[in-house]
Amino acid sequence: MGKFRIKTKELRGMSIEELEKTLRELRIKLMGLRYKAKVGLLENPGELRETRRNVARILTVLREKRAGEEKA
């Protein structure tokens, strides 16, 4: 689990553009992992779960940053 995890502290240090780029990359990776899982080629099912959680982390940090911009 630990080797795929992106730390929230790292994400908070990124700009909105960097977060959006990382989010796009992770969503593409997630599509590939889902495909591999469907056809039975996925070697590590934990990677699928952790990628989904990383996407959720990025979306949360993006939402926080955008809400902070609106208040400022």
C-alpha atoms as a PDB file:
ATOM      1  CA  MET A   1       0.000   0.000   0.000  1.00  0.00           C
ATOM      2  CA  GLY A   2       2.706   2.464   0.942  1.00  0.00           C
ATOM      3  CA  LYS A   3       4.655   2.560  -2.302  1.00  0.00           C
ATOM      4  CA  PHE A   4       1.730   3.840  -4.397  1.00  0.00           C
ATOM      5  CA  ARG A   5       0.424   6.411  -1.916  1.00  0.00           C
ATOM      6  CA  ILE A   6       0.761  10.121  -2.589  1.00  0.00           C
ATOM      7  CA  LYS A   7       1.004  12.037   0.665  1.00  0.00           C
ATOM      8  CA  THR A   8      -1.511  14.806   1.257  1.00  0.00           C
ATOM      9  CA  LYS A   9       1.296  17.093   2.407  1.00  0.00           C
ATOM     10  CA  GLU A  10       2.940  16.719  -1.027  1.00  0.00           C
ATOM     11  CA  LEU A  11      -0.341  17.513  -2.767  1.00  0.00           C
ATOM     12  CA  ARG A  12      -0.930  20.652  -0.737  1.00  0.00           C
ATOM     13  CA  GLY A  13       2.474  21.920  -1.870  1.00  0.00           C
ATOM     14  CA  MET A  14       1.526  21.626  -5.545  1.00  0.00           C
ATOM     15  CA  SER A  15      -0.110  24.302  -7.676  1.00  0.00           C
ATOM     16  CA  ILE A  16      -3.595  23.815  -9.106  1.00  0.00           C
ATOM     17  CA  GLU A  17      -2.114  23.193 -12.567  1.00  0.00           C
ATOM     18  CA  GLU A  18       0.231  20.501 -11.220  1.00  0.00           C
ATOM     19  CA  LEU A  19      -2.644  18.860  -9.357  1.00  0.00           C
ATOM     20  CA  GLU A  20      -4.810  18.817 -12.476  1.00  0.00           C
ATOM     21  CA  LYS A  21      -1.963  17.292 -14.517  1.00  0.00           C
ATOM     22  CA  THR A  22      -1.377  14.603 -11.878  1.00  0.00           C
ATOM     23  CA  LEU A  23      -5.113  13.940 -11.720  1.00  0.00           C
ATOM     24  CA  ARG A  24      -5.263  13.401 -15.501  1.00  0.00           C
ATOM     25  CA  GLU A  25      -2.302  11.005 -15.345  1.00  0.00           C
ATOM     26  CA  LEU A  26      -3.818   9.030 -12.464  1.00  0.00           C
ATOM     27  CA  ARG A  27      -7.201   8.756 -14.181  1.00  0.00           C
ATOM     28  CA  ILE A  28      -5.502   7.345 -17.290  1.00  0.00           C
ATOM     29  CA  LYS A  29      -3.563   4.916 -15.103  1.00  0.00           C
ATOM     30  CA  LEU A  30      -6.812   3.958 -13.347  1.00  0.00           C
ATOM     31  CA  MET A  31      -8.477   3.168 -16.681  1.00  0.00           C
ATOM     32  CA  GLY A  32      -5.577   0.875 -17.551  1.00  0.00           C
ATOM     33  CA  LEU A  33      -5.695  -0.843 -14.172  1.00  0.00           C
ATOM     34  CA  ARG A  34      -9.451  -1.371 -14.459  1.00  0.00           C
ATOM     35  CA  TYR A  35      -8.969  -2.908 -17.885  1.00  0.00           C
ATOM     36  CA  LYS A  36      -6.236  -5.230 -16.581  1.00  0.00           C
ATOM     37  CA  ALA A  37      -8.475  -6.242 -13.684  1.00  0.00           C
ATOM     38  CA  LYS A  38     -11.327  -7.010 -16.071  1.00  0.00           C
ATOM     39  CA  VAL A  39      -9.244  -9.255 -18.324  1.00  0.00           C
ATOM     40  CA  GLY A  40      -7.439 -10.874 -15.395  1.00  0.00           C
ATOM     41  CA  LEU A  41      -3.962  -9.449 -15.949  1.00  0.00           C
ATOM     42  CA  LEU A  42      -3.744  -7.259 -12.849  1.00  0.00           C
ATOM     43  CA  GLU A  43      -0.784  -8.377 -10.755  1.00  0.00           C
ATOM     44  CA  ASN A  44      -1.386  -6.190  -7.707  1.00  0.00           C
ATOM     45  CA  PRO A  45      -5.041  -5.420  -6.857  1.00  0.00           C
ATOM     46  CA  GLY A  46      -3.881  -3.048  -4.119  1.00  0.00           C
ATOM     47  CA  GLU A  47      -2.556  -0.688  -6.764  1.00  0.00           C
ATOM     48  CA  LEU A  48      -6.081  -0.228  -8.141  1.00  0.00           C
ATOM     49  CA  ARG A  49      -7.432   0.653  -4.709  1.00  0.00           C
ATOM     50  CA  GLU A  50      -4.568   3.015  -3.897  1.00  0.00           C
ATOM     51  CA  THR A  51      -4.849   4.791  -7.260  1.00  0.00           C
ATOM     52  CA  ARG A  52      -8.552   5.393  -6.616  1.00  0.00           C
ATOM     53  CA  ARG A  53      -7.709   6.820  -3.216  1.00  0.00           C
ATOM     54  CA  ASN A  54      -4.993   9.051  -4.690  1.00  0.00           C
ATOM     55  CA  VAL A  55      -7.539  10.454  -7.166  1.00  0.00           C
ATOM     56  CA  ALA A  56      -9.860  11.195  -4.240  1.00  0.00           C
ATOM     57  CA  ARG A  57      -7.032  12.894  -2.324  1.00  0.00           C
ATOM     58  CA  ILE A  58      -6.212  15.120  -5.286  1.00  0.00           C
ATOM     59  CA  LEU A  59      -9.870  16.050  -5.785  1.00  0.00           C
ATOM     60  CA  THR A  60     -10.139  16.960  -2.098  1.00  0.00           C
ATOM     61  CA  VAL A  61      -7.036  19.173  -2.171  1.00  0.00           C
ATOM     62  CA  LEU A  62      -8.193  20.806  -5.426  1.00  0.00           C
ATOM     63  CA  ARG A  63     -11.559  21.571  -3.858  1.00  0.00           C
ATOM     64  CA  GLU A  64      -9.857  23.072  -0.789  1.00  0.00           C
ATOM     65  CA  LYS A  65      -7.550  25.248  -2.919  1.00  0.00           C
ATOM     66  CA  ARG A  66     -10.364  26.499  -5.128  1.00  0.00           C
ATOM     67  CA  ALA A  67     -12.516  27.318  -2.105  1.00  0.00           C
ATOM     68  CA  GLY A  68      -9.555  29.215  -0.628  1.00  0.00           C
ATOM     69  CA  GLU A  69      -9.170  31.248  -3.811  1.00  0.00           C
ATOM     70  CA  GLU A  70     -12.839  32.222  -3.793  1.00  0.00           C
ATOM     71  CA  LYS A  71     -12.628  33.504  -0.207  1.00  0.00           C
ATOM     72  CA  ALA A  72      -9.513  35.571  -0.922  1.00  0.00           C
END
